[in-house]
PDB file of N, CA and C in Angstrom:
ATOM      1  N   MET A   1     -30.068  64.060  13.648  1.00  0.00           N
ATOM      2  CA  MET A   1     -28.702  63.938  12.722  1.00  0.00           C
ATOM      3  C   MET A   1     -27.607  62.527  13.353  1.00  0.00           C
ATOM      4  N   LYS A   2     -27.735  62.757  14.852  1.00  0.00           N
ATOM      5  CA  LYS A   2     -26.499  61.748  15.480  1.00  0.00           C
ATOM      6  C   LYS A   2     -27.305  60.224  15.355  1.00  0.00           C
ATOM      7  N   HIS A   3     -29.211  60.349  15.079  1.00  0.00           N
ATOM      8  CA  HIS A   3     -29.636  59.026  15.281  1.00  0.00           C
ATOM      9  C   HIS A   3     -29.497  58.406  13.769  1.00  0.00           C
ATOM     10  N   ILE A   4     -29.630  59.089  12.871  1.00  0.00           N
ATOM     11  CA  ILE A   4     -29.273  58.647  11.391  1.00  0.00           C
ATOM     12  C   ILE A   4     -27.856  58.117  10.924  1.00  0.00           C
ATOM     13  N   LEU A   5     -26.854  58.855  11.637  1.00  0.00           N
ATOM     14  CA  LEU A   5     -25.717  58.486  11.816  1.00  0.00           C
ATOM     15  C   LEU A   5     -25.246  56.966  12.429  1.00  0.00           C
ATOM     16  N   THR A   6     -25.886  56.880  13.340  1.00  0.00           N
ATOM     17  CA  THR A   6     -25.814  55.672  14.480  1.00  0.00           C
ATOM     18  C   THR A   6     -26.486  54.635  13.531  1.00  0.00           C
ATOM     19  N   THR A   7     -27.620  54.955  12.835  1.00  0.00           N
ATOM     20  CA  THR A   7     -28.436  54.046  11.699  1.00  0.00           C
ATOM     21  C   THR A   7     -27.544  53.252  10.839  1.00  0.00           C
ATOM     22  N   ALA A   8     -27.129  54.325  10.071  1.00  0.00           N
ATOM     23  CA  ALA A   8     -26.111  54.207   9.215  1.00  0.00           C
ATOM     24  C   ALA A   8     -24.717  53.380   9.342  1.00  0.00           C
ATOM     25  N   VAL A   9     -24.232  53.280  10.464  1.00  0.00           N
ATOM     26  CA  VAL A   9     -22.987  52.913  11.126  1.00  0.00           C
ATOM     27  C   VAL A   9     -23.579  51.567  11.258  1.00  0.00           C
ATOM     28  N   ALA A  10     -24.662  51.079  11.882  1.00  0.00           N
ATOM     29  CA  ALA A  10     -25.275  50.086  12.153  1.00  0.00           C
ATOM     30  C   ALA A  10     -25.466  49.477  10.886  1.00  0.00           C
ATOM     31  N   ALA A  11     -26.015  49.722  10.029  1.00  0.00           N
ATOM     32  CA  ALA A  11     -26.465  49.168   8.501  1.00  0.00           C
ATOM     33  C   ALA A  11     -25.172  48.644   7.798  1.00  0.00           C
ATOM     34  N   LEU A  12     -23.982  49.614   7.961  1.00  0.00           N
ATOM     35  CA  LEU A  12     -22.652  49.278   7.065  1.00  0.00           C
ATOM     36  C   LEU A  12     -22.402  47.838   8.145  1.00  0.00           C
ATOM     37  N   LEU A  13     -22.460  47.872   9.395  1.00  0.00           N
ATOM     38  CA  LEU A  13     -21.606  46.957  10.324  1.00  0.00           C
ATOM     39  C   LEU A  13     -22.451  45.480   9.810  1.00  0.00           C
ATOM     40  N   LEU A  14     -23.727  45.588   9.643  1.00  0.00           N
ATOM     41  CA  LEU A  14     -24.842  44.311   9.614  1.00  0.00           C
ATOM     42  C   LEU A  14     -24.513  44.083   7.896  1.00  0.00           C
ATOM     43  N   THR A  15     -24.400  44.786   7.136  1.00  0.00           N
ATOM     44  CA  THR A  15     -24.048  44.452   5.933  1.00  0.00           C
ATOM     45  C   THR A  15     -22.485  43.825   5.692  1.00  0.00           C
ATOM     46  N   ALA A  16     -21.794  44.182   6.303  1.00  0.00           N
ATOM     47  CA  ALA A  16     -20.174  43.624   6.396  1.00  0.00           C
ATOM     48  C   ALA A  16     -20.597  42.364   6.827  1.00  0.00           C
ATOM     49  N   CYS A  17     -21.052  42.055   7.929  1.00  0.00           N
ATOM     50  CA  CYS A  17     -21.394  40.859   8.586  1.00  0.00           C
ATOM     51  C   CYS A  17     -22.120  39.656   7.618  1.00  0.00           C
ATOM     52  N   ALA A  18     -22.830  40.253   6.823  1.00  0.00           N
ATOM     53  CA  ALA A  18     -23.674  39.598   6.156  1.00  0.00           C
ATOM     54  C   ALA A  18     -23.040  38.902   4.990  1.00  0.00           C
ATOM     55  N   ASN A  19     -22.230  39.952   4.375  1.00  0.00           N
ATOM     56  CA  ASN A  19     -21.334  39.682   3.337  1.00  0.00           C
ATOM     57  C   ASN A  19     -20.156  38.777   3.317  1.00  0.00           C
ATOM     58  N   ASN A  20     -20.007  38.104   4.542  1.00  0.00           N
ATOM     59  CA  ASN A  20     -18.845  37.534   4.754  1.00  0.00           C
ATOM     60  C   ASN A  20     -18.736  36.136   4.763  1.00  0.00           C
ATOM     61  N   ASN A  21     -18.583  35.942   3.145  1.00  0.00           N
ATOM     62  CA  ASN A  21     -18.558  34.800   2.927  1.00  0.00           C
ATOM     63  C   ASN A  21     -17.353  33.505   2.936  1.00  0.00           C
ATOM     64  N   GLN A  22     -16.727  33.930   3.796  1.00  0.00           N
ATOM     65  CA  GLN A  22     -15.853  33.322   4.311  1.00  0.00           C
ATOM     66  C   GLN A  22     -15.974  32.039   4.980  1.00  0.00           C
ATOM     67  N   PRO A  23     -15.406  30.955   4.973  1.00  0.00           N
ATOM     68  CA  PRO A  23     -15.748  29.897   5.947  1.00  0.00           C
ATOM     69  C   PRO A  23     -14.908  29.868   6.921  1.00  0.00           C
ATOM     70  N   ALA A  24     -15.525  29.703   7.957  1.00  0.00           N
ATOM     71  CA  ALA A  24     -14.829  29.759   9.430  1.00  0.00           C
ATOM     72  C   ALA A  24     -13.448  28.524   9.165  1.00  0.00           C
ATOM     73  N   ASN A  25     -12.441  29.027   9.905  1.00  0.00           N
ATOM     74  CA  ASN A  25     -11.254  28.296   9.700  1.00  0.00           C
ATOM     75  C   ASN A  25     -11.631  26.933  10.400  1.00  0.00           C
ATOM     76  N   SER A  26     -11.482  25.908   9.952  1.00  0.00           N
ATOM     77  CA  SER A  26     -12.016  24.697  10.292  1.00  0.00           C
ATOM     78  C   SER A  26     -10.242  23.700  10.639  1.00  0.00           C
ATOM     79  N   LEU A  27     -10.536  22.984  11.644  1.00  0.00           N
ATOM     80  CA  LEU A  27      -9.233  22.067  11.762  1.00  0.00           C
ATOM     81  C   LEU A  27      -8.914  21.272  10.849  1.00  0.00           C
ATOM     82  N   TYR A  28      -9.942  20.583   9.688  1.00  0.00           N
ATOM     83  CA  TYR A  28      -9.639  19.995   8.781  1.00  0.00           C
ATOM     84  C   TYR A  28     -10.350  20.484   7.343  1.00  0.00           C
ATOM     85  N   TYR A  29      -9.664  20.081   6.281  1.00  0.00           N
ATOM     86  CA  TYR A  29     -10.197  20.593   5.089  1.00  0.00           C
ATOM     87  C   TYR A  29     -11.414  19.664   4.589  1.00  0.00           C
ATOM     88  N   TRP A  30     -12.540  20.274   4.262  1.00  0.00           N
ATOM     89  CA  TRP A  30     -13.533  19.189   3.995  1.00  0.00           C
ATOM     90  C   TRP A  30     -13.905  19.776   2.541  1.00  0.00           C
ATOM     91  N   ALA A  31     -13.947  20.568   1.940  1.00  0.00           N
ATOM     92  CA  ALA A  31     -13.792  20.718   0.525  1.00  0.00           C
ATOM     93  C   ALA A  31     -15.425  20.306   0.348  1.00  0.00           C
ATOM     94  N   ASP A  32     -15.689  19.350  -0.860  1.00  0.00           N
ATOM     95  CA  ASP A  32     -16.804  18.946  -0.911  1.00  0.00           C
ATOM     96  C   ASP A  32     -17.393  17.354  -0.542  1.00  0.00           C
ATOM     97  N   PHE A  33     -16.234  17.159   0.325  1.00  0.00           N
ATOM     98  CA  PHE A  33     -15.933  15.796   0.728  1.00  0.00           C
ATOM     99  C   PHE A  33     -17.541  14.968   1.084  1.00  0.00           C
ATOM    100  N   ASN A  34     -18.261  15.816   1.764  1.00  0.00           N
ATOM    101  CA  ASN A  34     -19.698  15.403   2.264  1.00  0.00           C
ATOM    102  C   ASN A  34     -20.625  15.038   0.795  1.00  0.00           C
ATOM    103  N   LYS A  35     -20.663  15.588   0.047  1.00  0.00           N
ATOM    104  CA  LYS A  35     -21.214  15.599  -1.425  1.00  0.00           C
ATOM    105  C   LYS A  35     -20.539  14.403  -2.225  1.00  0.00           C
ATOM    106  N   GLN A  36     -19.165  14.308  -1.866  1.00  0.00           N
ATOM    107  CA  GLN A  36     -18.602  12.808  -2.385  1.00  0.00           C
ATOM    108  C   GLN A  36     -19.252  11.778  -1.804  1.00  0.00           C
ATOM    109  N   GLN A  37     -19.177  11.815  -0.552  1.00  0.00           N
ATOM    110  CA  GLN A  37     -19.997  10.513   0.198  1.00  0.00           C
ATOM    111  C   GLN A  37     -21.492  10.438  -0.260  1.00  0.00           C
ATOM    112  N   TYR A  38     -22.042  11.469  -0.482  1.00  0.00           N
ATOM    113  CA  TYR A  38     -23.445  11.408  -0.737  1.00  0.00           C
ATOM    114  C   TYR A  38     -23.461  10.455  -2.332  1.00  0.00           C
ATOM    115  N   GLN A  39     -22.350  10.761  -3.109  1.00  0.00           N
ATOM    116  CA  GLN A  39     -22.428  10.689  -4.386  1.00  0.00           C
ATOM    117  C   GLN A  39     -22.062   8.799  -4.296  1.00  0.00           C
ATOM    118  N   THR A  40     -21.280   8.515  -3.538  1.00  0.00           N
ATOM    119  CA  THR A  40     -21.125   7.192  -3.469  1.00  0.00           C
ATOM    120  C   THR A  40     -22.272   6.230  -3.073  1.00  0.00           C
ATOM    121  N   LEU A  41     -22.966   6.850  -1.731  1.00  0.00           N
ATOM    122  CA  LEU A  41     -24.038   6.166  -1.214  1.00  0.00           C
ATOM    123  C   LEU A  41     -25.428   6.175  -2.106  1.00  0.00           C
ATOM    124  N   ASN A  42     -25.255   6.794  -2.994  1.00  0.00           N
ATOM    125  CA  ASN A  42     -26.385   7.124  -4.432  1.00  0.00           C
ATOM    126  C   ASN A  42     -25.942   6.489  -5.604  1.00  0.00           C
ATOM    127  N   ASN A  43     -24.827   5.810  -5.615  1.00  0.00           N
ATOM    128  CA  ASN A  43     -24.153   5.284  -7.054  1.00  0.00           C
ATOM    129  C   ASN A  43     -24.279   6.385  -8.196  1.00  0.00           C
ATOM    130  N   ALA A  44     -23.926   7.687  -7.562  1.00  0.00           N
ATOM    131  CA  ALA A  44     -24.258   8.745  -8.626  1.00  0.00           C
ATOM    132  C   ALA A  44     -23.135   8.898  -9.768  1.00  0.00           C
ATOM    133  N   LEU A  45     -22.131   8.553  -9.178  1.00  0.00           N
ATOM    134  CA  LEU A  45     -20.848   8.333 -10.149  1.00  0.00           C
ATOM    135  C   LEU A  45     -20.154   6.742 -10.087  1.00  0.00           C
ATOM    136  N   THR A  46     -19.496   6.372 -11.081  1.00  0.00           N
ATOM    137  CA  THR A  46     -18.743   5.329 -11.270  1.00  0.00           C
ATOM    138  C   THR A  46     -17.612   5.395 -10.290  1.00  0.00           C
ATOM    139  N   PRO A  47     -17.394   3.893  -9.444  1.00  0.00           N
ATOM    140  CA  PRO A  47     -16.289   4.161  -8.793  1.00  0.00           C
ATOM    141  C   PRO A  47     -14.862   5.065  -9.056  1.00  0.00           C
ATOM    142  N   GLN A  48     -14.424   4.829 -10.480  1.00  0.00           N
ATOM    143  CA  GLN A  48     -13.484   5.397 -11.041  1.00  0.00           C
ATOM    144  C   GLN A  48     -13.563   6.900 -10.979  1.00  0.00           C
ATOM    145  N   GLU A  49     -14.737   7.423 -11.572  1.00  0.00           N
ATOM    146  CA  GLU A  49     -14.860   8.739 -11.162  1.00  0.00           C
ATOM    147  C   GLU A  49     -14.832   9.151  -9.784  1.00  0.00           C
ATOM    148  N   GLN A  50     -15.283   8.512  -8.806  1.00  0.00           N
ATOM    149  CA  GLN A  50     -15.190   8.755  -7.619  1.00  0.00           C
ATOM    150  C   GLN A  50     -14.045   8.788  -6.780  1.00  0.00           C
ATOM    151  N   ILE A  51     -13.166   7.883  -7.488  1.00  0.00           N
ATOM    152  CA  ILE A  51     -11.748   7.705  -7.113  1.00  0.00           C
ATOM    153  C   ILE A  51     -10.919   9.114  -7.328  1.00  0.00           C
ATOM    154  N   ALA A  52     -11.111   9.533  -8.939  1.00  0.00           N
ATOM    155  CA  ALA A  52     -10.648  10.729  -9.450  1.00  0.00           C
ATOM    156  C   ALA A  52     -10.941  12.003  -8.451  1.00  0.00           C
ATOM    157  N   ASN A  53     -12.181  12.037  -8.053  1.00  0.00           N
ATOM    158  CA  ASN A  53     -12.691  13.101  -7.169  1.00  0.00           C
ATOM    159  C   ASN A  53     -11.709  12.932  -6.058  1.00  0.00           C
ATOM    160  N   MET A  54     -11.929  11.854  -5.362  1.00  0.00           N
ATOM    161  CA  MET A  54     -11.055  11.975  -4.013  1.00  0.00           C
ATOM    162  C   MET A  54      -9.448  11.989  -4.057  1.00  0.00           C
ATOM    163  N   GLU A  55      -8.944  11.694  -5.284  1.00  0.00           N
ATOM    164  CA  GLU A  55      -7.558  11.987  -5.497  1.00  0.00           C
ATOM    165  C   GLU A  55      -7.498  13.443  -5.838  1.00  0.00           C
ATOM    166  N   LYS A  56      -8.445  14.053  -6.616  1.00  0.00           N
ATOM    167  CA  LYS A  56      -8.175  15.649  -6.645  1.00  0.00           C
ATOM    168  C   LYS A  56      -8.537  15.969  -5.203  1.00  0.00           C
ATOM    169  N   TYR A  57      -9.349  15.844  -4.246  1.00  0.00           N
ATOM    170  CA  TYR A  57      -9.484  16.121  -3.181  1.00  0.00           C
ATOM    171  C   TYR A  57      -7.983  16.264  -2.313  1.00  0.00           C
ATOM    172  N   PHE A  58      -7.439  15.274  -2.508  1.00  0.00           N
ATOM    173  CA  PHE A  58      -6.036  15.339  -1.741  1.00  0.00           C
ATOM    174  C   PHE A  58      -5.116  16.100  -1.906  1.00  0.00           C
ATOM    175  N   LEU A  59      -5.108  16.376  -3.399  1.00  0.00           N
ATOM    176  CA  LEU A  59      -4.514  17.321  -4.156  1.00  0.00           C
ATOM    177  C   LEU A  59      -4.719  18.794  -3.477  1.00  0.00           C
ATOM    178  N   ASP A  60      -5.819  18.654  -3.749  1.00  0.00           N
ATOM    179  CA  ASP A  60      -6.389  20.335  -2.842  1.00  0.00           C
ATOM    180  C   ASP A  60      -5.836  20.357  -1.237  1.00  0.00           C
ATOM    181  N   VAL A  61      -6.118  19.498  -0.665  1.00  0.00           N
ATOM    182  CA  VAL A  61      -5.313  19.408   0.808  1.00  0.00           C
ATOM    183  C   VAL A  61      -3.986  19.636   0.799  1.00  0.00           C
ATOM    184  N   GLN A  62      -3.438  19.092  -0.280  1.00  0.00           N
ATOM    185  CA  GLN A  62      -1.880  19.551  -0.303  1.00  0.00           C
ATOM    186  C   GLN A  62      -1.357  20.826  -0.522  1.00  0.00           C
ATOM    187  N   SER A  63      -2.514  21.290  -1.651  1.00  0.00           N
ATOM    188  CA  SER A  63      -2.052  22.714  -2.046  1.00  0.00           C
ATOM    189  C   SER A  63      -2.729  23.746  -0.988  1.00  0.00           C
ATOM    190  N   ASN A  64      -3.290  23.437  -0.376  1.00  0.00           N
ATOM    191  CA  ASN A  64      -3.856  24.362   0.583  1.00  0.00           C
ATOM    192  C   ASN A  64      -3.412  24.257   2.043  1.00  0.00           C
ATOM    193  N   HIS A  65      -2.304  23.330   2.049  1.00  0.00           N
ATOM    194  CA  HIS A  65      -1.513  23.201   3.392  1.00  0.00           C
ATOM    195  C   HIS A  65      -2.346  22.962   4.410  1.00  0.00           C
ATOM    196  N   ALA A  66      -3.325  21.901   4.428  1.00  0.00           N
ATOM    197  CA  ALA A  66      -4.576  21.728   5.394  1.00  0.00           C
ATOM    198  C   ALA A  66      -4.577  20.330   5.659  1.00  0.00           C
ATOM    199  N   LYS A  67      -5.049  19.764   6.902  1.00  0.00           N
ATOM    200  CA  LYS A  67      -5.126  18.460   7.157  1.00  0.00           C
ATOM    201  C   LYS A  67      -6.528  17.786   6.837  1.00  0.00           C
ATOM    202  N   ALA A  68      -6.159  16.478   6.100  1.00  0.00           N
ATOM    203  CA  ALA A  68      -7.606  15.781   5.495  1.00  0.00           C
ATOM    204  C   ALA A  68      -8.505  15.542   6.678  1.00  0.00           C
ATOM    205  N   ALA A  69      -9.606  15.744   6.350  1.00  0.00           N
ATOM    206  CA  ALA A  69     -11.038  15.425   7.204  1.00  0.00           C
ATOM    207  C   ALA A  69     -10.981  13.942   7.599  1.00  0.00           C
ATOM    208  N   PRO A  70     -11.332  13.535   8.628  1.00  0.00           N
ATOM    209  CA  PRO A  70     -11.484  11.988   9.092  1.00  0.00           C
ATOM    210  C   PRO A  70     -12.617  11.414   8.150  1.00  0.00           C
ATOM    211  N   GLY A  71     -11.911  10.216   8.204  1.00  0.00           N
ATOM    212  CA  GLY A  71     -12.675   9.658   7.105  1.00  0.00           C
ATOM    213  C   GLY A  71     -12.400   9.401   5.710  1.00  0.00           C
ATOM    214  N   THR A  72     -11.774  10.188   5.107  1.00  0.00           N
ATOM    215  CA  THR A  72     -11.212  10.441   3.837  1.00  0.00           C
ATOM    216  C   THR A  72     -10.523   9.680   3.262  1.00  0.00           C
ATOM    217  N   HIS A  73      -9.565   9.173   3.828  1.00  0.00           N
ATOM    218  CA  HIS A  73      -8.615   8.020   3.705  1.00  0.00           C
ATOM    219  C   HIS A  73      -9.524   6.987   3.605  1.00  0.00           C
ATOM    220  N   ALA A  74     -10.194   6.434   4.668  1.00  0.00           N
ATOM    221  CA  ALA A  74     -10.994   5.476   4.387  1.00  0.00           C
ATOM    222  C   ALA A  74     -11.944   5.488   3.543  1.00  0.00           C
ATOM    223  N   HIS A  75     -12.452   6.500   3.475  1.00  0.00           N
ATOM    224  CA  HIS A  75     -13.269   6.381   1.940  1.00  0.00           C
ATOM    225  C   HIS A  75     -12.581   6.044   0.791  1.00  0.00           C
ATOM    226  N   LEU A  76     -11.709   6.815   0.521  1.00  0.00           N
ATOM    227  CA  LEU A  76     -10.634   6.478  -0.692  1.00  0.00           C
ATOM    228  C   LEU A  76     -10.341   5.191  -0.562  1.00  0.00           C
ATOM    229  N   GLY A  77     -10.101   4.343   0.709  1.00  0.00           N
ATOM    230  CA  GLY A  77      -9.458   3.097   0.906  1.00  0.00           C
ATOM    231  C   GLY A  77     -10.695   2.170   0.163  1.00  0.00           C
ATOM    232  N   MET A  78     -11.914   2.587   0.824  1.00  0.00           N
ATOM    233  CA  MET A  78     -13.191   1.401   0.034  1.00  0.00           C
ATOM    234  C   MET A  78     -13.372   1.827  -1.230  1.00  0.00           C
ATOM    235  N   LEU A  79     -13.336   2.906  -1.704  1.00  0.00           N
ATOM    236  CA  LEU A  79     -13.405   2.924  -3.087  1.00  0.00           C
ATOM    237  C   LEU A  79     -12.284   2.131  -3.811  1.00  0.00           C
ATOM    238  N   TYR A  80     -11.205   2.013  -3.421  1.00  0.00           N
ATOM    239  CA  TYR A  80     -10.146   1.366  -4.066  1.00  0.00           C
ATOM    240  C   TYR A  80     -10.499  -0.395  -4.173  1.00  0.00           C
ATOM    241  N   ALA A  81     -11.111  -0.726  -2.828  1.00  0.00           N
ATOM    242  CA  ALA A  81     -11.455  -1.874  -2.334  1.00  0.00           C
ATOM    243  C   ALA A  81     -12.418  -2.281  -3.623  1.00  0.00           C
ATOM    244  N   LYS A  82     -13.163  -1.420  -3.730  1.00  0.00           N
ATOM    245  CA  LYS A  82     -14.350  -1.650  -4.700  1.00  0.00           C
ATOM    246  C   LYS A  82     -13.940  -2.164  -5.804  1.00  0.00           C
ATOM    247  N   VAL A  83     -12.779  -1.248  -6.443  1.00  0.00           N
ATOM    248  CA  VAL A  83     -12.355  -1.577  -7.947  1.00  0.00           C
ATOM    249  C   VAL A  83     -11.318  -2.785  -8.071  1.00  0.00           C
ATOM    250  N   GLY A  84     -11.182  -3.296  -6.802  1.00  0.00           N
ATOM    251  CA  GLY A  84      -9.868  -4.360  -6.459  1.00  0.00           C
ATOM    252  C   GLY A  84      -8.431  -4.023  -6.384  1.00  0.00           C
ATOM    253  N   ASN A  85      -8.322  -2.723  -6.269  1.00  0.00           N
ATOM    254  CA  ASN A  85      -6.972  -2.257  -5.734  1.00  0.00           C
ATOM    255  C   ASN A  85      -6.534  -2.410  -4.264  1.00  0.00           C
ATOM    256  N   LEU A  86      -6.279  -3.493  -3.954  1.00  0.00           N
ATOM    257  CA  LEU A  86      -6.245  -3.762  -2.400  1.00  0.00           C
ATOM    258  C   LEU A  86      -5.222  -3.242  -1.919  1.00  0.00           C
ATOM    259  N   ALA A  87      -3.926  -3.186  -2.584  1.00  0.00           N
ATOM    260  CA  ALA A  87      -2.605  -2.228  -2.303  1.00  0.00           C
ATOM    261  C   ALA A  87      -3.174  -0.918  -2.037  1.00  0.00           C
ATOM    262  N   GLY A  88      -3.953  -0.191  -2.838  1.00  0.00           N
ATOM    263  CA  GLY A  88      -4.303   1.194  -2.342  1.00  0.00           C
ATOM    264  C   GLY A  88      -4.939   1.053  -1.168  1.00  0.00           C
ATOM    265  N   ALA A  89      -6.061   0.277  -1.292  1.00  0.00           N
ATOM    266  CA  ALA A  89      -7.212   0.033  -0.325  1.00  0.00           C
ATOM    267  C   ALA A  89      -6.199   0.040   1.249  1.00  0.00           C
ATOM    268  N   LYS A  90      -5.103  -0.916   1.126  1.00  0.00           N
ATOM    269  CA  LYS A  90      -4.234  -0.859   2.364  1.00  0.00           C
ATOM    270  C   LYS A  90      -3.514   0.230   2.642  1.00  0.00           C
ATOM    271  N   THR A  91      -3.100   1.001   1.752  1.00  0.00           N
ATOM    272  CA  THR A  91      -2.235   2.259   2.045  1.00  0.00           C
ATOM    273  C   THR A  91      -3.242   3.394   2.688  1.00  0.00           C
ATOM    274  N   GLN A  92      -4.260   3.243   2.140  1.00  0.00           N
ATOM    275  CA  GLN A  92      -5.485   4.551   2.502  1.00  0.00           C
ATOM    276  C   GLN A  92      -5.992   3.774   4.134  1.00  0.00           C
ATOM    277  N   PHE A  93      -6.268   2.733   4.308  1.00  0.00           N
ATOM    278  CA  PHE A  93      -6.586   2.350   5.706  1.00  0.00           C
ATOM    279  C   PHE A  93      -5.813   2.491   6.418  1.00  0.00           C
ATOM    280  N   LYS A  94      -4.155   2.402   6.456  1.00  0.00           N
ATOM    281  CA  LYS A  94      -3.377   2.809   7.369  1.00  0.00           C
ATOM    282  C   LYS A  94      -3.104   4.134   7.599  1.00  0.00           C
ATOM    283  N   MET A  95      -3.123   5.050   6.528  1.00  0.00           N
ATOM    284  CA  MET A  95      -3.059   6.363   6.404  1.00  0.00           C
ATOM    285  C   MET A  95      -4.119   6.803   7.531  1.00  0.00           C
ATOM    286  N   GLU A  96      -5.369   6.108   7.267  1.00  0.00           N
ATOM    287  CA  GLU A  96      -6.513   7.208   8.112  1.00  0.00           C
ATOM    288  C   GLU A  96      -6.114   6.269   9.827  1.00  0.00           C
ATOM    289  N   LYS A  97      -5.561   5.224   9.987  1.00  0.00           N
ATOM    290  CA  LYS A  97      -5.293   4.576  11.307  1.00  0.00           C
ATOM    291  C   LYS A  97      -4.243   5.730  11.697  1.00  0.00           C
ATOM    292  N   GLN A  98      -3.185   6.121  11.108  1.00  0.00           N
ATOM    293  CA  GLN A  98      -2.087   7.002  11.469  1.00  0.00           C
ATOM    294  C   GLN A  98      -2.423   8.330  11.622  1.00  0.00           C
ATOM    295  N   ALA A  99      -3.461   8.832  10.876  1.00  0.00           N
ATOM    296  CA  ALA A  99      -3.883  10.291  11.088  1.00  0.00           C
ATOM    297  C   ALA A  99      -4.877  10.478  12.321  1.00  0.00           C
ATOM    298  N   PHE A 100      -5.488   9.435  12.418  1.00  0.00           N
ATOM    299  CA  PHE A 100      -6.998   8.937  13.690  1.00  0.00           C
ATOM    300  C   PHE A 100      -6.618   7.966  13.999  1.00  0.00           C
ATOM    301  N   PRO A 101      -5.979   7.841  15.221  1.00  0.00           N
ATOM    302  CA  PRO A 101      -5.889   6.635  16.145  1.00  0.00           C
ATOM    303  C   PRO A 101      -7.048   6.155  16.656  1.00  0.00           C
ATOM    304  N   GLU A 102      -8.005   7.016  17.017  1.00  0.00           N
ATOM    305  CA  GLU A 102      -8.913   6.516  17.299  1.00  0.00           C
ATOM    306  C   GLU A 102      -9.957   5.490  16.350  1.00  0.00           C
ATOM    307  N   SER A 103      -9.332   5.661  15.173  1.00  0.00           N
ATOM    308  CA  SER A 103     -10.496   4.712  14.126  1.00  0.00           C
ATOM    309  C   SER A 103      -9.395   3.350  13.905  1.00  0.00           C
ATOM    310  N   THR A 104      -8.472   3.085  14.708  1.00  0.00           N
ATOM    311  CA  THR A 104      -7.589   1.879  14.654  1.00  0.00           C
ATOM    312  C   THR A 104      -8.440   0.549  14.542  1.00  0.00           C
ATOM    313  N   THR A 105      -9.439   0.551  15.633  1.00  0.00           N
ATOM    314  CA  THR A 105     -10.046  -0.773  15.839  1.00  0.00           C
ATOM    315  C   THR A 105     -10.845  -0.909  14.398  1.00  0.00           C
ATOM    316  N   TYR A 106     -11.631   0.082  13.955  1.00  0.00           N
ATOM    317  CA  TYR A 106     -12.461  -0.015  12.762  1.00  0.00           C
ATOM    318  C   TYR A 106     -11.432  -0.250  11.265  1.00  0.00           C
ATOM    319  N   MET A 107     -10.233   0.286  11.180  1.00  0.00           N
ATOM    320  CA  MET A 107      -9.403   0.268  10.019  1.00  0.00           C
ATOM    321  C   MET A 107      -8.705  -1.194  10.096  1.00  0.00           C
ATOM    322  N   ASN A 108      -8.486  -1.596  11.629  1.00  0.00           N
ATOM    323  CA  ASN A 108      -7.970  -2.886  11.846  1.00  0.00           C
ATOM    324  C   ASN A 108      -8.999  -4.184  11.224  1.00  0.00           C
ATOM    325  N   PHE A 109     -10.047  -3.797  11.468  1.00  0.00           N
ATOM    326  CA  PHE A 109     -11.318  -4.701  10.963  1.00  0.00           C
ATOM    327  C   PHE A 109     -11.461  -4.394   9.479  1.00  0.00           C
ATOM    328  N   LEU A 110     -11.233  -3.321   8.821  1.00  0.00           N
ATOM    329  CA  LEU A 110     -11.320  -3.170   7.226  1.00  0.00           C
ATOM    330  C   LEU A 110     -10.103  -3.786   6.766  1.00  0.00           C
ATOM    331  N   LEU A 111      -8.968  -3.818   7.453  1.00  0.00           N
ATOM    332  CA  LEU A 111      -7.690  -4.628   6.705  1.00  0.00           C
ATOM    333  C   LEU A 111      -7.731  -5.995   6.842  1.00  0.00           C
ATOM    334  N   LYS A 112      -8.481  -6.361   7.582  1.00  0.00           N
ATOM    335  CA  LYS A 112      -8.681  -7.691   7.825  1.00  0.00           C
ATOM    336  C   LYS A 112      -9.256  -8.104   6.950  1.00  0.00           C
ATOM    337  N   ASN A 113     -10.830  -7.689   6.818  1.00  0.00           N
ATOM    338  CA  ASN A 113     -11.772  -8.291   5.905  1.00  0.00           C
ATOM    339  C   ASN A 113     -12.004  -7.417   4.716  1.00  0.00           C
ATOM    340  N   VAL A 114     -11.466  -6.132   4.493  1.00  0.00           N
ATOM    341  CA  VAL A 114     -11.498  -5.966   3.122  1.00  0.00           C
ATOM    342  C   VAL A 114     -10.127  -6.405   2.218  1.00  0.00           C
ATOM    343  N   VAL A 115      -9.152  -6.486   3.179  1.00  0.00           N
ATOM    344  CA  VAL A 115      -7.857  -6.458   2.518  1.00  0.00           C
ATOM    345  C   VAL A 115      -7.415  -7.795   2.472  1.00  0.00           C
ATOM    346  N   GLY A 116      -7.757  -8.084   3.503  1.00  0.00           N
ATOM    347  CA  GLY A 116      -7.157  -9.758   3.940  1.00  0.00           C
ATOM    348  C   GLY A 116      -5.982  -9.733   4.604  1.00  0.00           C
ATOM    349  N   GLU A 117      -5.557  -8.583   5.211  1.00  0.00           N
ATOM    350  CA  GLU A 117      -4.533  -8.487   6.130  1.00  0.00           C
ATOM    351  C   GLU A 117      -4.652  -9.569   7.273  1.00  0.00           C
ATOM    352  N   LYS A 118      -3.578 -10.048   7.996  1.00  0.00           N
ATOM    353  CA  LYS A 118      -3.639 -10.680   9.261  1.00  0.00           C
ATOM    354  C   LYS A 118      -2.705 -10.144  10.445  1.00  0.00           C
TER     355      LYS A 118
END
């Protein structure tokens, strides 16, 4: 009887662990950013659709009171530059640089070569 009870408790614990679909707490909010990057690289969506998805991502970041993942502002900045919105690109590159100081050198490169900032 004791063996059956122990087995039942172990089975319940394993089931509880297996059904835990909650993502682990993360420092950053990733959502489907990786999927969006993939779509960009494969030209699966138009730049305007990709921009709309990224803008929705940032609304989700705010509504979840989370931090945007590294590279998200730079990604949106590149999309803005692709459609000719250089002011939007500049803003996003500066936001990336502010949020992630380790990206400063690359963001300065993009500001100079993509946006034309001196």
